């Protein structure tokens, strides 16, 4: 039995690998069919064959940050800016529910108009619809994350596009 087969067997049994084992799997292109088969069986065991759709509501493309990789960045003059009012966001969530969505994702730039209080109003309005809610609003303070959770948000998606260990 090869080392790769042993690693794949371990992955399938324990659903946990060491970094060196993951690197070995990714570096070995010979056994892709076997790797994909194991991955598919693990996916089946943990999440099944269902597809879960989420309604994405991008409610503002205004951002105080100036991240050079991002099209929403503050200094980008080639973008038409918009911001939906809280009531419109809740109405769109209701529309998503009418289409059969069970989860909505609220996404925006880091728009200072959307204070914790305004977002709590939106969160309460969406949770009153019986929907699960994920937020993706950029970097916030621990207190803001806590306030969103206490208002009813189920998840927070924080994108980390780049890192630099020297900074």
N, C-alpha and C. Protein backbone atom coordinates (compact mmCIF):
# COMPACT_ATOMS: atom_id res chain seq x y z
N UNK A 1 0.86 -1.19 0.00
CA UNK A 1 0.00 0.00 0.00
C UNK A 1 0.90 1.24 0.00
N UNK A 2 0.61 2.20 -0.89
CA UNK A 2 1.44 3.39 -0.99
C UNK A 2 1.14 4.36 0.16
N UNK A 3 2.07 5.29 0.35
CA UNK A 3 1.86 6.33 1.36
C UNK A 3 0.60 7.14 1.07
N UNK A 4 0.37 7.43 -0.21
CA UNK A 4 -0.81 8.22 -0.59
C UNK A 4 -2.08 7.46 -0.24
N UNK A 5 -2.12 6.17 -0.51
CA UNK A 5 -3.29 5.36 -0.17
C UNK A 5 -3.52 5.36 1.33
N UNK A 6 -2.45 5.26 2.10
CA UNK A 6 -2.57 5.29 3.56
C UNK A 6 -3.13 6.64 4.03
N UNK A 7 -2.66 7.73 3.44
CA UNK A 7 -3.16 9.05 3.80
C UNK A 7 -4.64 9.17 3.45
N UNK A 8 -5.01 8.70 2.28
CA UNK A 8 -6.42 8.75 1.86
C UNK A 8 -7.29 7.91 2.78
N UNK A 9 -6.82 6.73 3.17
CA UNK A 9 -7.57 5.89 4.10
C UNK A 9 -7.76 6.61 5.44
N UNK A 10 -6.70 7.25 5.91
CA UNK A 10 -6.79 8.00 7.17
C UNK A 10 -7.81 9.15 7.03
N UNK A 11 -7.75 9.86 5.91
CA UNK A 11 -8.68 10.96 5.69
C UNK A 11 -10.12 10.47 5.73
N UNK A 12 -10.36 9.36 5.08
CA UNK A 12 -11.73 8.83 5.03
C UNK A 12 -12.19 8.33 6.39
N UNK A 13 -11.29 7.72 7.15
CA UNK A 13 -11.65 7.20 8.48
C UNK A 13 -11.83 8.31 9.50
N UNK A 14 -10.88 9.24 9.55
CA UNK A 14 -10.83 10.21 10.65
C UNK A 14 -11.28 11.61 10.28
N UNK A 15 -11.32 11.90 8.96
CA UNK A 15 -11.68 13.25 8.50
C UNK A 15 -10.74 14.29 9.11
N UNK A 16 -9.47 13.91 9.24
CA UNK A 16 -8.48 14.82 9.82
C UNK A 16 -7.11 14.39 9.35
N UNK A 17 -6.35 15.35 8.83
CA UNK A 17 -4.99 15.08 8.36
C UNK A 17 -4.04 16.14 8.90
N UNK A 18 -2.77 15.78 8.96
CA UNK A 18 -1.72 16.72 9.31
C UNK A 18 -1.36 17.54 8.07
N UNK A 19 -0.75 18.69 8.29
CA UNK A 19 -0.38 19.56 7.17
C UNK A 19 0.49 18.81 6.16
N UNK A 20 1.48 18.06 6.63
CA UNK A 20 2.39 17.34 5.72
C UNK A 20 1.62 16.33 4.86
N UNK A 21 0.58 15.72 5.43
CA UNK A 21 -0.22 14.76 4.67
C UNK A 21 -1.03 15.46 3.59
N UNK A 22 -1.58 16.62 3.91
CA UNK A 22 -2.34 17.38 2.92
C UNK A 22 -1.41 17.83 1.79
N UNK A 23 -0.23 18.30 2.14
CA UNK A 23 0.74 18.72 1.12
C UNK A 23 1.10 17.54 0.23
N UNK A 24 1.29 16.38 0.82
CA UNK A 24 1.63 15.18 0.03
C UNK A 24 0.51 14.84 -0.95
N UNK A 25 -0.74 14.96 -0.51
CA UNK A 25 -1.87 14.67 -1.40
C UNK A 25 -1.93 15.67 -2.55
N UNK A 26 -1.73 16.93 -2.24
CA UNK A 26 -1.82 17.95 -3.28
C UNK A 26 -0.65 17.89 -4.25
N UNK A 27 0.50 17.44 -3.78
CA UNK A 27 1.69 17.35 -4.65
C UNK A 27 1.64 16.12 -5.55
N UNK A 28 0.83 15.12 -5.20
CA UNK A 28 0.78 13.86 -5.94
C UNK A 28 -0.39 13.90 -6.92
N UNK A 29 -0.11 14.10 -8.20
CA UNK A 29 -1.16 14.20 -9.21
C UNK A 29 -1.50 12.85 -9.83
N UNK A 30 -0.78 11.80 -9.47
CA UNK A 30 -1.00 10.49 -10.10
C UNK A 30 -2.31 9.87 -9.66
N UNK A 31 -2.68 10.07 -8.40
CA UNK A 31 -3.84 9.39 -7.83
C UNK A 31 -5.06 10.28 -7.72
N UNK A 32 -5.25 11.23 -8.66
CA UNK A 32 -6.38 12.14 -8.57
C UNK A 32 -7.72 11.41 -8.51
N UNK A 33 -7.89 10.37 -9.30
CA UNK A 33 -9.17 9.65 -9.30
C UNK A 33 -9.45 9.07 -7.92
N UNK A 34 -8.44 8.52 -7.31
CA UNK A 34 -8.62 7.96 -5.96
C UNK A 34 -8.90 9.07 -4.95
N UNK A 35 -8.17 10.19 -5.06
CA UNK A 35 -8.39 11.34 -4.18
C UNK A 35 -9.81 11.86 -4.33
N UNK A 36 -10.26 12.04 -5.56
CA UNK A 36 -11.61 12.56 -5.79
C UNK A 36 -12.68 11.60 -5.28
N UNK A 37 -12.44 10.31 -5.39
CA UNK A 37 -13.38 9.31 -4.88
C UNK A 37 -13.51 9.39 -3.37
N UNK A 38 -12.37 9.50 -2.69
CA UNK A 38 -12.40 9.63 -1.23
C UNK A 38 -13.10 10.93 -0.83
N UNK A 39 -12.75 12.02 -1.51
CA UNK A 39 -13.37 13.31 -1.20
C UNK A 39 -14.88 13.25 -1.39
N UNK A 40 -15.33 12.58 -2.43
CA UNK A 40 -16.76 12.48 -2.69
C UNK A 40 -17.46 11.66 -1.60
N UNK A 41 -16.83 10.58 -1.18
CA UNK A 41 -17.44 9.77 -0.10
C UNK A 41 -17.49 10.54 1.21
N UNK A 42 -16.46 11.33 1.51
CA UNK A 42 -16.47 12.14 2.73
C UNK A 42 -17.56 13.21 2.63
N UNK A 43 -17.67 13.88 1.47
CA UNK A 43 -18.73 14.87 1.27
C UNK A 43 -20.10 14.25 1.48
N UNK A 44 -20.30 13.07 0.91
CA UNK A 44 -21.57 12.36 1.04
C UNK A 44 -21.89 12.08 2.51
N UNK A 45 -20.90 11.64 3.25
CA UNK A 45 -21.10 11.30 4.66
C UNK A 45 -21.46 12.52 5.50
N UNK A 46 -20.81 13.65 5.24
CA UNK A 46 -20.99 14.81 6.10
C UNK A 46 -22.08 15.78 5.63
N UNK A 47 -22.31 15.90 4.33
CA UNK A 47 -23.32 16.87 3.86
C UNK A 47 -24.35 16.29 2.93
N UNK A 48 -24.17 15.06 2.48
CA UNK A 48 -25.16 14.44 1.62
C UNK A 48 -25.17 15.01 0.21
N UNK A 49 -26.27 14.77 -0.49
CA UNK A 49 -26.39 15.19 -1.89
C UNK A 49 -27.25 16.43 -2.08
N UNK A 50 -27.69 17.03 -0.98
CA UNK A 50 -28.57 18.19 -1.10
C UNK A 50 -27.80 19.43 -1.54
N UNK A 51 -28.50 20.29 -2.22
CA UNK A 51 -27.97 21.59 -2.59
C UNK A 51 -28.76 22.63 -1.82
N UNK A 52 -28.06 23.50 -1.12
CA UNK A 52 -28.72 24.56 -0.34
C UNK A 52 -28.45 25.89 -1.01
N UNK A 53 -29.51 26.53 -1.49
CA UNK A 53 -29.38 27.82 -2.14
C UNK A 53 -29.52 28.94 -1.13
N UNK A 54 -28.76 29.99 -1.34
CA UNK A 54 -28.83 31.16 -0.47
C UNK A 54 -29.08 32.37 -1.35
N UNK A 55 -29.98 33.24 -0.91
CA UNK A 55 -30.24 34.48 -1.63
C UNK A 55 -29.24 35.53 -1.19
N UNK A 56 -28.50 36.08 -2.13
CA UNK A 56 -27.49 37.08 -1.83
C UNK A 56 -28.06 38.47 -2.11
N UNK A 57 -28.02 39.31 -1.09
CA UNK A 57 -28.50 40.68 -1.22
C UNK A 57 -27.30 41.61 -1.02
N UNK A 58 -26.86 42.20 -2.11
CA UNK A 58 -25.75 43.15 -2.04
C UNK A 58 -26.38 44.54 -1.88
N UNK A 59 -26.40 45.02 -0.65
CA UNK A 59 -27.22 46.19 -0.34
C UNK A 59 -26.46 47.52 -0.37
N UNK A 60 -25.14 47.49 -0.49
CA UNK A 60 -24.38 48.73 -0.61
C UNK A 60 -23.01 48.41 -1.20
N UNK A 61 -22.58 49.25 -2.14
CA UNK A 61 -21.22 49.09 -2.64
C UNK A 61 -20.36 50.28 -2.24
N UNK A 62 -20.79 50.97 -1.21
CA UNK A 62 -20.02 52.08 -0.64
C UNK A 62 -19.09 51.50 0.42
N UNK A 63 -17.83 51.92 0.38
CA UNK A 63 -16.86 51.35 1.32
C UNK A 63 -15.87 52.41 1.77
N UNK A 64 -15.61 52.42 3.07
CA UNK A 64 -14.63 53.36 3.63
C UNK A 64 -13.20 52.89 3.42
N UNK A 65 -13.01 51.61 3.10
CA UNK A 65 -11.67 51.06 2.93
C UNK A 65 -11.17 51.31 1.52
N UNK A 66 -9.86 51.21 1.34
CA UNK A 66 -9.27 51.44 0.03
C UNK A 66 -8.35 50.27 -0.36
N UNK A 67 -8.84 49.06 -0.19
CA UNK A 67 -8.07 47.86 -0.51
C UNK A 67 -7.83 47.81 -2.02
N UNK A 68 -6.58 47.76 -2.43
CA UNK A 68 -6.25 47.89 -3.84
C UNK A 68 -6.80 46.77 -4.71
N UNK A 69 -7.05 45.58 -4.16
CA UNK A 69 -7.55 44.46 -4.95
C UNK A 69 -9.06 44.55 -5.20
N UNK A 70 -9.75 45.40 -4.48
CA UNK A 70 -11.21 45.35 -4.45
C UNK A 70 -11.84 46.42 -5.34
N UNK A 71 -12.81 46.02 -6.12
CA UNK A 71 -13.54 46.94 -6.98
C UNK A 71 -14.41 47.92 -6.22
N UNK A 72 -14.75 47.61 -4.97
CA UNK A 72 -15.57 48.53 -4.17
C UNK A 72 -14.74 49.57 -3.44
N UNK A 73 -13.44 49.51 -3.57
CA UNK A 73 -12.57 50.38 -2.78
C UNK A 73 -12.94 51.85 -2.92
N UNK A 74 -12.72 52.55 -1.85
CA UNK A 74 -13.12 53.95 -1.69
C UNK A 74 -12.71 54.83 -2.88
N UNK A 75 -11.48 54.70 -3.37
CA UNK A 75 -10.99 55.61 -4.40
C UNK A 75 -11.32 55.18 -5.83
N UNK A 76 -12.09 54.10 -5.99
CA UNK A 76 -12.48 53.67 -7.33
C UNK A 76 -13.54 54.65 -7.86
N UNK A 77 -13.16 55.46 -8.83
CA UNK A 77 -14.09 56.45 -9.40
C UNK A 77 -14.88 55.89 -10.58
N UNK A 78 -14.60 54.66 -10.97
CA UNK A 78 -15.25 54.06 -12.15
C UNK A 78 -16.44 53.18 -11.78
N UNK A 79 -16.99 53.40 -10.62
CA UNK A 79 -18.11 52.58 -10.16
C UNK A 79 -19.28 53.49 -9.79
N UNK A 80 -20.47 53.06 -10.16
CA UNK A 80 -21.67 53.80 -9.76
C UNK A 80 -22.07 53.29 -8.37
N UNK A 81 -22.04 54.17 -7.42
CA UNK A 81 -22.31 53.78 -6.02
C UNK A 81 -23.81 53.71 -5.75
N UNK A 82 -24.19 52.81 -4.84
CA UNK A 82 -25.58 52.70 -4.43
C UNK A 82 -25.65 52.21 -2.99
N UNK A 83 -26.78 52.44 -2.39
CA UNK A 83 -27.06 51.96 -1.04
C UNK A 83 -28.57 51.75 -0.95
N UNK A 84 -28.97 50.55 -0.55
CA UNK A 84 -30.39 50.29 -0.31
C UNK A 84 -30.74 50.70 1.11
N UNK A 85 -31.92 51.19 1.28
CA UNK A 85 -32.40 51.54 2.62
C UNK A 85 -32.78 50.26 3.37
N UNK A 86 -32.73 50.29 4.70
CA UNK A 86 -33.04 49.09 5.49
C UNK A 86 -34.37 48.42 5.11
N UNK A 87 -35.41 49.20 4.87
CA UNK A 87 -36.72 48.64 4.52
C UNK A 87 -36.64 47.86 3.21
N UNK A 88 -35.87 48.37 2.26
CA UNK A 88 -35.73 47.69 0.96
C UNK A 88 -34.99 46.36 1.12
N UNK A 89 -34.02 46.32 2.01
CA UNK A 89 -33.28 45.08 2.25
C UNK A 89 -34.22 44.02 2.82
N UNK A 90 -35.05 44.41 3.77
CA UNK A 90 -36.00 43.47 4.37
C UNK A 90 -37.02 43.01 3.32
N UNK A 91 -37.48 43.92 2.47
CA UNK A 91 -38.41 43.55 1.39
C UNK A 91 -37.77 42.54 0.43
N UNK A 92 -36.52 42.73 0.11
CA UNK A 92 -35.83 41.78 -0.77
C UNK A 92 -35.68 40.41 -0.10
N UNK A 93 -35.45 40.42 1.20
CA UNK A 93 -35.38 39.14 1.93
C UNK A 93 -36.73 38.44 1.88
N UNK A 94 -37.80 39.19 2.03
CA UNK A 94 -39.15 38.60 1.94
C UNK A 94 -39.38 38.03 0.54
N UNK A 95 -38.90 38.71 -0.48
CA UNK A 95 -39.02 38.22 -1.85
C UNK A 95 -38.23 36.92 -2.00
N UNK A 96 -37.01 36.89 -1.45
CA UNK A 96 -36.20 35.67 -1.50
C UNK A 96 -36.93 34.51 -0.83
N UNK A 97 -37.58 34.79 0.29
CA UNK A 97 -38.34 33.74 0.97
C UNK A 97 -39.48 33.25 0.07
N UNK A 98 -40.14 34.17 -0.61
CA UNK A 98 -41.26 33.78 -1.49
C UNK A 98 -40.78 32.89 -2.64
N UNK A 99 -39.51 32.98 -3.00
CA UNK A 99 -38.92 32.12 -4.03
C UNK A 99 -38.49 30.77 -3.48
N UNK A 100 -38.58 30.60 -2.15
CA UNK A 100 -38.21 29.33 -1.54
C UNK A 100 -36.86 29.31 -0.86
N UNK A 101 -36.14 30.42 -0.86
CA UNK A 101 -34.86 30.46 -0.16
C UNK A 101 -35.10 30.38 1.34
N UNK A 102 -34.21 29.70 2.02
CA UNK A 102 -34.31 29.57 3.47
C UNK A 102 -33.20 30.35 4.18
N UNK A 103 -32.23 30.82 3.40
CA UNK A 103 -31.11 31.60 3.93
C UNK A 103 -30.86 32.78 3.01
N UNK A 104 -30.59 33.93 3.62
CA UNK A 104 -30.12 35.07 2.84
C UNK A 104 -28.75 35.49 3.37
N UNK A 105 -27.96 36.03 2.45
CA UNK A 105 -26.65 36.57 2.79
C UNK A 105 -26.70 38.06 2.49
N UNK A 106 -26.42 38.88 3.48
CA UNK A 106 -26.33 40.32 3.28
C UNK A 106 -24.87 40.68 3.09
N UNK A 107 -24.59 41.35 1.97
CA UNK A 107 -23.21 41.68 1.65
C UNK A 107 -23.11 43.14 1.27
N UNK A 108 -22.02 43.77 1.72
CA UNK A 108 -21.81 45.18 1.38
C UNK A 108 -20.34 45.53 1.58
N UNK A 109 -20.00 46.75 1.12
CA UNK A 109 -18.73 47.33 1.50
C UNK A 109 -18.84 47.79 2.95
N UNK A 110 -17.78 48.33 3.46
CA UNK A 110 -17.81 48.86 4.84
C UNK A 110 -18.40 50.26 4.81
N UNK A 111 -19.72 50.28 4.77
CA UNK A 111 -20.51 51.50 4.63
C UNK A 111 -20.86 52.04 6.01
N UNK A 112 -20.34 53.22 6.36
CA UNK A 112 -20.55 53.77 7.70
C UNK A 112 -22.02 54.16 7.96
N UNK A 113 -22.81 54.32 6.91
CA UNK A 113 -24.23 54.60 7.09
C UNK A 113 -24.90 53.45 7.85
N UNK A 114 -24.44 52.25 7.57
CA UNK A 114 -25.04 51.08 8.21
C UNK A 114 -24.42 50.84 9.58
N UNK A 115 -24.93 51.60 10.54
CA UNK A 115 -24.49 51.48 11.93
C UNK A 115 -24.97 50.16 12.51
N UNK A 116 -24.48 49.83 13.68
CA UNK A 116 -24.94 48.62 14.36
C UNK A 116 -26.45 48.67 14.55
N UNK A 117 -26.97 49.83 14.93
CA UNK A 117 -28.41 49.96 15.18
C UNK A 117 -29.22 49.71 13.91
N UNK A 118 -28.78 50.29 12.79
CA UNK A 118 -29.50 50.05 11.53
C UNK A 118 -29.44 48.58 11.13
N UNK A 119 -28.28 47.99 11.29
CA UNK A 119 -28.15 46.58 10.94
C UNK A 119 -28.97 45.69 11.87
N UNK A 120 -29.05 46.05 13.14
CA UNK A 120 -29.89 45.27 14.05
C UNK A 120 -31.34 45.31 13.60
N UNK A 121 -31.81 46.46 13.13
CA UNK A 121 -33.18 46.57 12.62
C UNK A 121 -33.38 45.64 11.43
N UNK A 122 -32.42 45.63 10.52
CA UNK A 122 -32.50 44.76 9.35
C UNK A 122 -32.47 43.29 9.77
N UNK A 123 -31.55 42.96 10.66
CA UNK A 123 -31.43 41.57 11.13
C UNK A 123 -32.74 41.11 11.76
N UNK A 124 -33.30 41.92 12.65
CA UNK A 124 -34.59 41.56 13.28
C UNK A 124 -35.68 41.36 12.23
N UNK A 125 -35.74 42.26 11.25
CA UNK A 125 -36.76 42.15 10.21
C UNK A 125 -36.63 40.87 9.41
N UNK A 126 -35.40 40.48 9.11
CA UNK A 126 -35.18 39.25 8.34
C UNK A 126 -35.44 38.02 9.19
N UNK A 127 -35.02 38.05 10.44
CA UNK A 127 -35.26 36.90 11.31
C UNK A 127 -36.75 36.72 11.58
N UNK A 128 -37.52 37.82 11.61
CA UNK A 128 -38.97 37.72 11.77
C UNK A 128 -39.62 36.99 10.60
N UNK A 129 -38.92 36.94 9.46
CA UNK A 129 -39.42 36.20 8.29
C UNK A 129 -39.15 34.70 8.41
N UNK A 130 -38.37 34.31 9.41
CA UNK A 130 -38.05 32.88 9.58
C UNK A 130 -36.89 32.42 8.72
N UNK A 131 -36.04 33.34 8.30
CA UNK A 131 -34.90 33.00 7.45
C UNK A 131 -33.61 32.90 8.26
N UNK A 132 -32.71 32.05 7.81
CA UNK A 132 -31.36 32.05 8.35
C UNK A 132 -30.63 33.22 7.70
N UNK A 133 -29.64 33.77 8.40
CA UNK A 133 -28.99 34.98 7.93
C UNK A 133 -27.48 34.91 8.11
N UNK A 134 -26.78 35.17 7.00
CA UNK A 134 -25.33 35.30 7.02
C UNK A 134 -25.00 36.75 6.65
N UNK A 135 -24.04 37.33 7.35
CA UNK A 135 -23.60 38.68 7.05
C UNK A 135 -22.18 38.64 6.47
N UNK A 136 -21.93 39.53 5.54
CA UNK A 136 -20.58 39.72 4.99
C UNK A 136 -20.42 41.22 4.76
N UNK A 137 -19.91 41.89 5.79
CA UNK A 137 -19.89 43.35 5.81
C UNK A 137 -18.50 43.93 6.03
N UNK A 138 -17.47 43.10 5.90
CA UNK A 138 -16.12 43.57 6.12
C UNK A 138 -15.67 43.39 7.56
N UNK A 139 -14.56 44.02 7.87
CA UNK A 139 -13.98 43.89 9.21
C UNK A 139 -14.74 44.77 10.20
N UNK A 140 -15.10 44.17 11.31
CA UNK A 140 -15.82 44.86 12.37
C UNK A 140 -15.13 44.60 13.70
N UNK A 141 -15.57 45.28 14.72
CA UNK A 141 -15.01 45.03 16.05
C UNK A 141 -15.69 43.80 16.66
N UNK A 142 -15.07 43.24 17.67
CA UNK A 142 -15.65 42.10 18.37
C UNK A 142 -17.04 42.46 18.92
N UNK A 143 -17.19 43.68 19.40
CA UNK A 143 -18.47 44.13 19.94
C UNK A 143 -19.54 44.17 18.85
N UNK A 144 -19.16 44.61 17.65
CA UNK A 144 -20.12 44.65 16.55
C UNK A 144 -20.54 43.24 16.15
N UNK A 145 -19.58 42.32 16.05
CA UNK A 145 -19.93 40.93 15.74
C UNK A 145 -20.90 40.38 16.79
N UNK A 146 -20.62 40.67 18.05
CA UNK A 146 -21.48 40.20 19.14
C UNK A 146 -22.89 40.79 19.01
N UNK A 147 -22.96 42.08 18.69
CA UNK A 147 -24.28 42.73 18.55
C UNK A 147 -25.07 42.10 17.42
N UNK A 148 -24.41 41.78 16.31
CA UNK A 148 -25.10 41.14 15.18
C UNK A 148 -25.61 39.76 15.59
N UNK A 149 -24.78 39.02 16.31
CA UNK A 149 -25.18 37.68 16.76
C UNK A 149 -26.37 37.77 17.72
N UNK A 150 -26.29 38.70 18.65
CA UNK A 150 -27.39 38.87 19.62
C UNK A 150 -28.67 39.32 18.93
N UNK A 151 -28.56 40.04 17.82
CA UNK A 151 -29.75 40.46 17.07
C UNK A 151 -30.35 39.31 16.27
N UNK A 152 -29.56 38.23 16.08
CA UNK A 152 -30.11 37.06 15.39
C UNK A 152 -29.32 36.55 14.20
N UNK A 153 -28.25 37.24 13.80
CA UNK A 153 -27.45 36.75 12.67
C UNK A 153 -26.89 35.37 13.00
N UNK A 154 -26.95 34.48 12.02
CA UNK A 154 -26.50 33.10 12.24
C UNK A 154 -25.02 32.91 11.93
N UNK A 155 -24.52 33.61 10.93
CA UNK A 155 -23.14 33.43 10.50
C UNK A 155 -22.57 34.76 10.05
N UNK A 156 -21.23 34.81 10.04
CA UNK A 156 -20.53 35.98 9.51
C UNK A 156 -19.44 35.48 8.58
N UNK A 157 -19.46 35.96 7.35
CA UNK A 157 -18.46 35.60 6.36
C UNK A 157 -17.46 36.73 6.28
N UNK A 158 -16.23 36.45 6.70
CA UNK A 158 -15.17 37.46 6.65
C UNK A 158 -14.17 37.02 5.60
N UNK A 159 -14.06 37.80 4.55
CA UNK A 159 -13.16 37.47 3.46
C UNK A 159 -11.77 38.00 3.79
N UNK A 160 -10.80 37.16 3.63
CA UNK A 160 -9.41 37.57 3.77
C UNK A 160 -8.77 37.31 2.42
N UNK A 161 -8.58 38.34 1.65
CA UNK A 161 -8.10 38.21 0.28
C UNK A 161 -6.58 38.08 0.21
N UNK A 162 -5.87 38.81 1.06
CA UNK A 162 -4.41 38.78 1.03
C UNK A 162 -3.88 38.91 2.43
N UNK A 163 -2.69 38.40 2.62
CA UNK A 163 -2.01 38.59 3.90
C UNK A 163 -0.54 38.85 3.64
N UNK A 164 0.12 39.49 4.59
CA UNK A 164 1.55 39.76 4.50
C UNK A 164 2.12 39.61 5.90
N UNK A 165 2.89 38.58 6.12
CA UNK A 165 3.44 38.32 7.45
C UNK A 165 4.38 39.40 7.91
N UNK A 166 4.92 40.20 7.00
CA UNK A 166 5.87 41.27 7.36
C UNK A 166 5.17 42.50 7.92
N UNK A 167 3.87 42.61 7.69
CA UNK A 167 3.14 43.82 8.13
C UNK A 167 2.58 43.60 9.50
